[in-house]
Every structure is written in structure tokens, then in C-alpha cells.
Amino acid sequence: MQLFHFIIRVPKEHSSFIYFQMEACEGLGFYSTLEFIPGQSFRDIDIKGPIEFKEETLDLLNGLKKSTKLEFLKDEVIIDS
């Protein structure tokens, strides 16, 4: 099965908003916060989901770029075995 895999970086103070939006769009993918150092000003968020939802997830994330600084660190397709 093919999955999309994004890693995004957002300001720490906006990370909960990103989590809320991902929860509101239930089923697009799964996310988790990557390890961070206390006091860091950003959070890196790992997002994976079915390849069929890649474009819809990209639309959501690109829309969120309008209200917060959001940087793509990784955009790839992976195989889940």
C-alpha cells in the first residue's frame, strides 16, 4: 500500500491549531509530533496517510499556510508493507 508522508514545521504556538485541523478532517491521515528540545520555538509534525488522500491533505496544509507559518520538510510517497 502506498502512503503519502509529510513532515511539516510550524511555530510551537500554532501546533495545537494544526492538530485541531487534522482531527477535524478525520480520516485524512495520522500525525504525530517528532521529538523536540524543550524551549524550541517550533514543532515538527509527521503526517502519513493513504495516497488517495494526498491531494486533499495538501489542500488543507496549503490553506493553513495562509494563517500560520508552515514549512514542508518532507514530501514523499512510501510503501507500507
PDB file of N, CA and C in Angstrom:
ATOM      1  N   MET A   1       0.844  -1.183   0.000  1.00  0.00           N
ATOM      2  CA  MET A   1       0.000   0.000   0.000  1.00  0.00           C
ATOM      3  C   MET A   1       0.884   1.239   0.000  1.00  0.00           C
ATOM      4  N   GLN A   2       0.559   2.190  -0.867  1.00  0.00           N
ATOM      5  CA  GLN A   2       1.291   3.449  -0.913  1.00  0.00           C
ATOM      6  C   GLN A   2       0.688   4.452   0.063  1.00  0.00           C
ATOM      7  N   LEU A   3       1.572   5.167   0.747  1.00  0.00           N
ATOM      8  CA  LEU A   3       1.179   6.221   1.684  1.00  0.00           C
ATOM      9  C   LEU A   3       1.906   7.505   1.317  1.00  0.00           C
ATOM     10  N   PHE A   4       1.239   8.640   1.537  1.00  0.00           N
ATOM     11  CA  PHE A   4       1.976   9.901   1.465  1.00  0.00           C
ATOM     12  C   PHE A   4       2.641  10.106   2.813  1.00  0.00           C
ATOM     13  N   HIS A   5       3.745  10.820   2.803  1.00  0.00           N
ATOM     14  CA  HIS A   5       4.476  11.108   4.043  1.00  0.00           C
ATOM     15  C   HIS A   5       4.960  12.550   3.981  1.00  0.00           C
ATOM     16  N   PHE A   6       4.448  13.355   4.896  1.00  0.00           N
ATOM     17  CA  PHE A   6       4.880  14.741   5.027  1.00  0.00           C
ATOM     18  C   PHE A   6       5.499  14.924   6.400  1.00  0.00           C
ATOM     19  N   ILE A   7       6.484  15.773   6.454  1.00  0.00           N
ATOM     20  CA  ILE A   7       6.938  16.318   7.732  1.00  0.00           C
ATOM     21  C   ILE A   7       6.852  17.823   7.560  1.00  0.00           C
ATOM     22  N   ILE A   8       6.120  18.458   8.460  1.00  0.00           N
ATOM     23  CA  ILE A   8       5.961  19.909   8.401  1.00  0.00           C
ATOM     24  C   ILE A   8       6.528  20.532   9.673  1.00  0.00           C
ATOM     25  N   ARG A   9       6.934  21.771   9.556  1.00  0.00           N
ATOM     26  CA  ARG A   9       7.425  22.537  10.716  1.00  0.00           C
ATOM     27  C   ARG A   9       6.510  23.739  10.891  1.00  0.00           C
ATOM     28  N   VAL A  10       6.040  23.909  12.119  1.00  0.00           N
ATOM     29  CA  VAL A  10       5.157  25.036  12.442  1.00  0.00           C
ATOM     30  C   VAL A  10       5.636  25.687  13.734  1.00  0.00           C
ATOM     31  N   PRO A  11       5.311  26.959  13.935  1.00  0.00           N
ATOM     32  CA  PRO A  11       5.636  27.591  15.211  1.00  0.00           C
ATOM     33  C   PRO A  11       4.949  26.828  16.360  1.00  0.00           C
ATOM     34  N   LYS A  12       5.654  26.696  17.454  1.00  0.00           N
ATOM     35  CA  LYS A  12       5.113  25.952  18.610  1.00  0.00           C
ATOM     36  C   LYS A  12       3.723  26.452  18.999  1.00  0.00           C
ATOM     37  N   GLU A  13       3.539  27.758  19.005  1.00  0.00           N
ATOM     38  CA  GLU A  13       2.263  28.320  19.455  1.00  0.00           C
ATOM     39  C   GLU A  13       1.115  28.028  18.491  1.00  0.00           C
ATOM     40  N   HIS A  14       1.410  27.563  17.290  1.00  0.00           N
ATOM     41  CA  HIS A  14       0.364  27.230  16.319  1.00  0.00           C
ATOM     42  C   HIS A  14       0.168  25.727  16.146  1.00  0.00           C
ATOM     43  N   SER A  15       0.991  24.931  16.820  1.00  0.00           N
ATOM     44  CA  SER A  15       0.916  23.478  16.635  1.00  0.00           C
ATOM     45  C   SER A  15      -0.439  22.910  17.061  1.00  0.00           C
ATOM     46  N   SER A  16      -1.009  23.403  18.137  1.00  0.00           N
ATOM     47  CA  SER A  16      -2.304  22.873  18.585  1.00  0.00           C
ATOM     48  C   SER A  16      -3.403  23.176  17.558  1.00  0.00           C
ATOM     49  N   PHE A  17      -3.301  24.299  16.850  1.00  0.00           N
ATOM     50  CA  PHE A  17      -4.254  24.619  15.795  1.00  0.00           C
ATOM     51  C   PHE A  17      -4.137  23.609  14.653  1.00  0.00           C
ATOM     52  N   ILE A  18      -2.917  23.234  14.298  1.00  0.00           N
ATOM     53  CA  ILE A  18      -2.697  22.238  13.246  1.00  0.00           C
ATOM     54  C   ILE A  18      -3.290  20.902  13.676  1.00  0.00           C
ATOM     55  N   TYR A  19      -3.049  20.507  14.927  1.00  0.00           N
ATOM     56  CA  TYR A  19      -3.611  19.242  15.434  1.00  0.00           C
ATOM     57  C   TYR A  19      -5.141  19.277  15.368  1.00  0.00           C
ATOM     58  N   PHE A  20      -5.724  20.396  15.764  1.00  0.00           N
ATOM     59  CA  PHE A  20      -7.179  20.547  15.738  1.00  0.00           C
ATOM     60  C   PHE A  20      -7.715  20.377  14.314  1.00  0.00           C
ATOM     61  N   GLN A  21      -7.046  20.993  13.357  1.00  0.00           N
ATOM     62  CA  GLN A  21      -7.487  20.900  11.963  1.00  0.00           C
ATOM     63  C   GLN A  21      -7.371  19.469  11.441  1.00  0.00           C
ATOM     64  N   MET A  22      -6.309  18.779  11.809  1.00  0.00           N
ATOM     65  CA  MET A  22      -6.155  17.382  11.385  1.00  0.00           C
ATOM     66  C   MET A  22      -7.252  16.509  12.011  1.00  0.00           C
ATOM     67  N   GLU A  23      -7.576  16.756  13.261  1.00  0.00           N
ATOM     68  CA  GLU A  23      -8.644  15.998  13.928  1.00  0.00           C
ATOM     69  C   GLU A  23      -9.997  16.292  13.269  1.00  0.00           C
ATOM     70  N   ALA A  24     -10.212  17.558  12.895  1.00  0.00           N
ATOM     71  CA  ALA A  24     -11.482  17.946  12.283  1.00  0.00           C
ATOM     72  C   ALA A  24     -11.666  17.274  10.923  1.00  0.00           C
ATOM     73  N   CYS A  25     -10.572  16.990  10.259  1.00  0.00           N
ATOM     74  CA  CYS A  25     -10.615  16.327   8.946  1.00  0.00           C
ATOM     75  C   CYS A  25     -10.289  14.847   9.124  1.00  0.00           C
ATOM     76  N   GLU A  26     -10.967  14.239  10.053  1.00  0.00           N
ATOM     77  CA  GLU A  26     -10.750  12.846  10.417  1.00  0.00           C
ATOM     78  C   GLU A  26     -10.661  11.949   9.176  1.00  0.00           C
ATOM     79  N   GLY A  27      -9.676  11.083   9.172  1.00  0.00           N
ATOM     80  CA  GLY A  27      -9.532  10.126   8.093  1.00  0.00           C
ATOM     81  C   GLY A  27      -8.527  10.518   7.021  1.00  0.00           C
ATOM     82  N   LEU A  28      -8.077  11.782   7.012  1.00  0.00           N
ATOM     83  CA  LEU A  28      -7.096  12.183   6.002  1.00  0.00           C
ATOM     84  C   LEU A  28      -5.752  11.509   6.229  1.00  0.00           C
ATOM     85  N   GLY A  29      -5.396  11.355   7.481  1.00  0.00           N
ATOM     86  CA  GLY A  29      -4.102  10.766   7.790  1.00  0.00           C
ATOM     87  C   GLY A  29      -3.868  10.722   9.281  1.00  0.00           C
ATOM     88  N   PHE A  30      -2.711  10.215   9.628  1.00  0.00           N
ATOM     89  CA  PHE A  30      -2.298  10.123  11.029  1.00  0.00           C
ATOM     90  C   PHE A  30      -1.127  11.061  11.233  1.00  0.00           C
ATOM     91  N   TYR A  31      -1.069  11.662  12.407  1.00  0.00           N
ATOM     92  CA  TYR A  31       0.019  12.601  12.664  1.00  0.00           C
ATOM     93  C   TYR A  31       0.609  12.358  14.040  1.00  0.00           C
ATOM     94  N   SER A  32       1.844  12.770  14.190  1.00  0.00           N
ATOM     95  CA  SER A  32       2.500  12.739  15.494  1.00  0.00           C
ATOM     96  C   SER A  32       3.565  13.825  15.516  1.00  0.00           C
ATOM     97  N   THR A  33       3.852  14.288  16.700  1.00  0.00           N
ATOM     98  CA  THR A  33       4.889  15.300  16.872  1.00  0.00           C
ATOM     99  C   THR A  33       6.228  14.588  17.012  1.00  0.00           C
ATOM    100  N   LEU A  34       7.209  15.038  16.256  1.00  0.00           N
ATOM    101  CA  LEU A  34       8.540  14.457  16.367  1.00  0.00           C
ATOM    102  C   LEU A  34       9.237  14.991  17.611  1.00  0.00           C
ATOM    103  N   GLU A  35      10.237  14.281  18.039  1.00  0.00           N
ATOM    104  CA  GLU A  35      10.976  14.654  19.250  1.00  0.00           C
ATOM    105  C   GLU A  35      11.480  16.092  19.132  1.00  0.00           C
ATOM    106  N   PHE A  36      11.454  16.808  20.258  1.00  0.00           N
ATOM    107  CA  PHE A  36      11.900  18.198  20.262  1.00  0.00           C
ATOM    108  C   PHE A  36      12.632  18.485  21.556  1.00  0.00           C
ATOM    109  N   ILE A  37      13.366  19.581  21.541  1.00  0.00           N
ATOM    110  CA  ILE A  37      14.093  20.036  22.722  1.00  0.00           C
ATOM    111  C   ILE A  37      13.204  21.047  23.445  1.00  0.00           C
ATOM    112  N   PRO A  38      12.997  20.878  24.756  1.00  0.00           N
ATOM    113  CA  PRO A  38      12.185  21.861  25.489  1.00  0.00           C
ATOM    114  C   PRO A  38      12.700  23.282  25.232  1.00  0.00           C
ATOM    115  N   GLY A  39      11.760  24.179  24.998  1.00  0.00           N
ATOM    116  CA  GLY A  39      12.095  25.566  24.718  1.00  0.00           C
ATOM    117  C   GLY A  39      12.245  25.875  23.235  1.00  0.00           C
ATOM    118  N   GLN A  40      12.214  24.841  22.394  1.00  0.00           N
ATOM    119  CA  GLN A  40      12.300  25.063  20.957  1.00  0.00           C
ATOM    120  C   GLN A  40      11.098  25.873  20.490  1.00  0.00           C
ATOM    121  N   SER A  41      11.302  26.739  19.515  1.00  0.00           N
ATOM    122  CA  SER A  41      10.227  27.630  19.069  1.00  0.00           C
ATOM    123  C   SER A  41       9.341  27.012  17.994  1.00  0.00           C
ATOM    124  N   PHE A  42       9.616  25.781  17.586  1.00  0.00           N
ATOM    125  CA  PHE A  42       8.841  25.135  16.534  1.00  0.00           C
ATOM    126  C   PHE A  42       8.559  23.681  16.902  1.00  0.00           C
ATOM    127  N   ARG A  43       7.623  23.109  16.178  1.00  0.00           N
ATOM    128  CA  ARG A  43       7.328  21.675  16.287  1.00  0.00           C
ATOM    129  C   ARG A  43       7.345  21.091  14.879  1.00  0.00           C
ATOM    130  N   ASP A  44       7.952  19.915  14.764  1.00  0.00           N
ATOM    131  CA  ASP A  44       7.926  19.164  13.520  1.00  0.00           C
ATOM    132  C   ASP A  44       6.858  18.088  13.664  1.00  0.00           C
ATOM    133  N   ILE A  45       5.975  18.034  12.685  1.00  0.00           N
ATOM    134  CA  ILE A  45       4.839  17.112  12.739  1.00  0.00           C
ATOM    135  C   ILE A  45       4.944  16.141  11.572  1.00  0.00           C
ATOM    136  N   ASP A  46       4.891  14.857  11.890  1.00  0.00           N
ATOM    137  CA  ASP A  46       4.955  13.773  10.925  1.00  0.00           C
ATOM    138  C   ASP A  46       3.522  13.390  10.549  1.00  0.00           C
ATOM    139  N   ILE A  47       3.218  13.394   9.255  1.00  0.00           N
ATOM    140  CA  ILE A  47       1.859  13.083   8.778  1.00  0.00           C
ATOM    141  C   ILE A  47       1.953  12.002   7.713  1.00  0.00           C
ATOM    142  N   LYS A  48       1.164  10.948   7.881  1.00  0.00           N
ATOM    143  CA  LYS A  48       1.109   9.857   6.901  1.00  0.00           C
ATOM    144  C   LYS A  48      -0.346   9.503   6.650  1.00  0.00           C
ATOM    145  N   GLY A  49      -0.627   9.067   5.418  1.00  0.00           N
ATOM    146  CA  GLY A  49      -1.985   8.654   5.102  1.00  0.00           C
ATOM    147  C   GLY A  49      -2.053   7.973   3.751  1.00  0.00           C
ATOM    148  N   PRO A  50      -3.215   7.440   3.416  1.00  0.00           N
ATOM    149  CA  PRO A  50      -3.404   6.774   2.127  1.00  0.00           C
ATOM    150  C   PRO A  50      -3.123   7.727   0.967  1.00  0.00           C
ATOM    151  N   ILE A  51      -2.443   7.234  -0.039  1.00  0.00           N
ATOM    152  CA  ILE A  51      -2.070   8.056  -1.185  1.00  0.00           C
ATOM    153  C   ILE A  51      -3.292   8.714  -1.832  1.00  0.00           C
ATOM    154  N   GLU A  52      -4.454   8.072  -1.708  1.00  0.00           N
ATOM    155  CA  GLU A  52      -5.690   8.632  -2.290  1.00  0.00           C
ATOM    156  C   GLU A  52      -6.075   9.971  -1.661  1.00  0.00           C
ATOM    157  N   PHE A  53      -5.576  10.252  -0.443  1.00  0.00           N
ATOM    158  CA  PHE A  53      -5.904  11.495   0.252  1.00  0.00           C
ATOM    159  C   PHE A  53      -4.774  12.520   0.226  1.00  0.00           C
ATOM    160  N   LYS A  54      -3.731  12.251  -0.556  1.00  0.00           N
ATOM    161  CA  LYS A  54      -2.590  13.171  -0.587  1.00  0.00           C
ATOM    162  C   LYS A  54      -2.998  14.568  -1.038  1.00  0.00           C
ATOM    163  N   GLU A  55      -3.703  14.669  -2.150  1.00  0.00           N
ATOM    164  CA  GLU A  55      -4.072  15.988  -2.675  1.00  0.00           C
ATOM    165  C   GLU A  55      -4.989  16.742  -1.716  1.00  0.00           C
ATOM    166  N   GLU A  56      -5.920  16.047  -1.115  1.00  0.00           N
ATOM    167  CA  GLU A  56      -6.830  16.691  -0.153  1.00  0.00           C
ATOM    168  C   GLU A  56      -6.060  17.183   1.072  1.00  0.00           C
ATOM    169  N   THR A  57      -5.103  16.389   1.524  1.00  0.00           N
ATOM    170  CA  THR A  57      -4.281  16.791   2.674  1.00  0.00           C
ATOM    171  C   THR A  57      -3.400  17.974   2.299  1.00  0.00           C
ATOM    172  N   LEU A  58      -2.827  17.944   1.098  1.00  0.00           N
ATOM    173  CA  LEU A  58      -2.035  19.085   0.623  1.00  0.00           C
ATOM    174  C   LEU A  58      -2.875  20.350   0.566  1.00  0.00           C
ATOM    175  N   ASP A  59      -4.111  20.234   0.087  1.00  0.00           N
ATOM    176  CA  ASP A  59      -5.006  21.390   0.044  1.00  0.00           C
ATOM    177  C   ASP A  59      -5.221  21.961   1.443  1.00  0.00           C
ATOM    178  N   LEU A  60      -5.447  21.083   2.417  1.00  0.00           N
ATOM    179  CA  LEU A  60      -5.637  21.528   3.806  1.00  0.00           C
ATOM    180  C   LEU A  60      -4.387  22.249   4.301  1.00  0.00           C
ATOM    181  N   LEU A  61      -3.229  21.623   4.149  1.00  0.00           N
ATOM    182  CA  LEU A  61      -1.989  22.210   4.665  1.00  0.00           C
ATOM    183  C   LEU A  61      -1.640  23.514   3.955  1.00  0.00           C
ATOM    184  N   ASN A  62      -1.832  23.552   2.646  1.00  0.00           N
ATOM    185  CA  ASN A  62      -1.563  24.799   1.921  1.00  0.00           C
ATOM    186  C   ASN A  62      -2.535  25.902   2.328  1.00  0.00           C
ATOM    187  N   GLY A  63      -3.768  25.535   2.654  1.00  0.00           N
ATOM    188  CA  GLY A  63      -4.721  26.514   3.172  1.00  0.00           C
ATOM    189  C   GLY A  63      -4.291  27.042   4.535  1.00  0.00           C
ATOM    190  N   LEU A  64      -3.730  26.160   5.364  1.00  0.00           N
ATOM    191  CA  LEU A  64      -3.268  26.579   6.683  1.00  0.00           C
ATOM    192  C   LEU A  64      -2.072  27.519   6.600  1.00  0.00           C
ATOM    193  N   LYS A  65      -1.339  27.451   5.498  1.00  0.00           N
ATOM    194  CA  LYS A  65      -0.198  28.353   5.301  1.00  0.00           C
ATOM    195  C   LYS A  65      -0.650  29.817   5.274  1.00  0.00           C
ATOM    196  N   LYS A  66      -1.925  30.042   4.982  1.00  0.00           N
ATOM    197  CA  LYS A  66      -2.446  31.411   4.929  1.00  0.00           C
ATOM    198  C   LYS A  66      -2.589  32.024   6.319  1.00  0.00           C
ATOM    199  N   SER A  67      -2.698  31.157   7.346  1.00  0.00           N
ATOM    200  CA  SER A  67      -2.905  31.673   8.702  1.00  0.00           C
ATOM    201  C   SER A  67      -1.741  31.399   9.653  1.00  0.00           C
ATOM    202  N   THR A  68      -0.772  30.618   9.213  1.00  0.00           N
ATOM    203  CA  THR A  68       0.388  30.346  10.060  1.00  0.00           C
ATOM    204  C   THR A  68       1.587  30.031   9.183  1.00  0.00           C
ATOM    205  N   LYS A  69       2.752  30.188   9.750  1.00  0.00           N
ATOM    206  CA  LYS A  69       3.963  29.813   9.031  1.00  0.00           C
ATOM    207  C   LYS A  69       4.052  28.291   9.054  1.00  0.00           C
ATOM    208  N   LEU A  70       4.055  27.689   7.893  1.00  0.00           N
ATOM    209  CA  LEU A  70       4.096  26.232   7.773  1.00  0.00           C
ATOM    210  C   LEU A  70       5.107  25.903   6.686  1.00  0.00           C
ATOM    211  N   GLU A  71       6.078  25.074   7.038  1.00  0.00           N
ATOM    212  CA  GLU A  71       7.141  24.729   6.106  1.00  0.00           C
ATOM    213  C   GLU A  71       7.145  23.216   5.893  1.00  0.00           C
ATOM    214  N   PHE A  72       7.208  22.778   4.648  1.00  0.00           N
ATOM    215  CA  PHE A  72       7.323  21.354   4.336  1.00  0.00           C
ATOM    216  C   PHE A  72       8.790  20.951   4.420  1.00  0.00           C
ATOM    217  N   LEU A  73       9.088  19.992   5.281  1.00  0.00           N
ATOM    218  CA  LEU A  73      10.444  19.453   5.380  1.00  0.00           C
ATOM    219  C   LEU A  73      10.587  18.170   4.559  1.00  0.00           C
ATOM    220  N   LYS A  74       9.463  17.459   4.382  1.00  0.00           N
ATOM    221  CA  LYS A  74       9.480  16.212   3.618  1.00  0.00           C
ATOM    222  C   LYS A  74       8.148  16.037   2.921  1.00  0.00           C
ATOM    223  N   ASP A  75       8.211  15.586   1.678  1.00  0.00           N
ATOM    224  CA  ASP A  75       7.022  15.278   0.870  1.00  0.00           C
ATOM    225  C   ASP A  75       7.413  14.103   0.017  1.00  0.00           C
ATOM    226  N   GLU A  76       6.954  12.914   0.411  1.00  0.00           N
ATOM    227  CA  GLU A  76       7.341  11.703  -0.308  1.00  0.00           C
ATOM    228  C   GLU A  76       6.217  10.688  -0.293  1.00  0.00           C
ATOM    229  N   VAL A  77       6.371   9.671  -1.115  1.00  0.00           N
ATOM    230  CA  VAL A  77       5.470   8.526  -1.120  1.00  0.00           C
ATOM    231  C   VAL A  77       6.271   7.344  -0.603  1.00  0.00           C
ATOM    232  N   ILE A  78       5.689   6.611   0.350  1.00  0.00           N
ATOM    233  CA  ILE A  78       6.348   5.446   0.922  1.00  0.00           C
ATOM    234  C   ILE A  78       5.471   4.215   0.750  1.00  0.00           C
ATOM    235  N   ILE A  79       6.056   3.064   0.901  1.00  0.00           N
ATOM    236  CA  ILE A  79       5.341   1.793   0.799  1.00  0.00           C
ATOM    237  C   ILE A  79       5.178   1.235   2.206  1.00  0.00           C
ATOM    238  N   ASP A  80       3.942   0.935   2.578  1.00  0.00           N
ATOM    239  CA  ASP A  80       3.638   0.308   3.858  1.00  0.00           C
ATOM    240  C   ASP A  80       3.465  -1.185   3.597  1.00  0.00           C
ATOM    241  N   SER A  81       4.329  -1.972   4.203  1.00  0.00           N
ATOM    242  CA  SER A  81       4.252  -3.419   3.912  1.00  0.00           C
ATOM    243  C   SER A  81       3.549  -4.190   4.988  1.00  0.00           C
TER     244      SER A  81
END
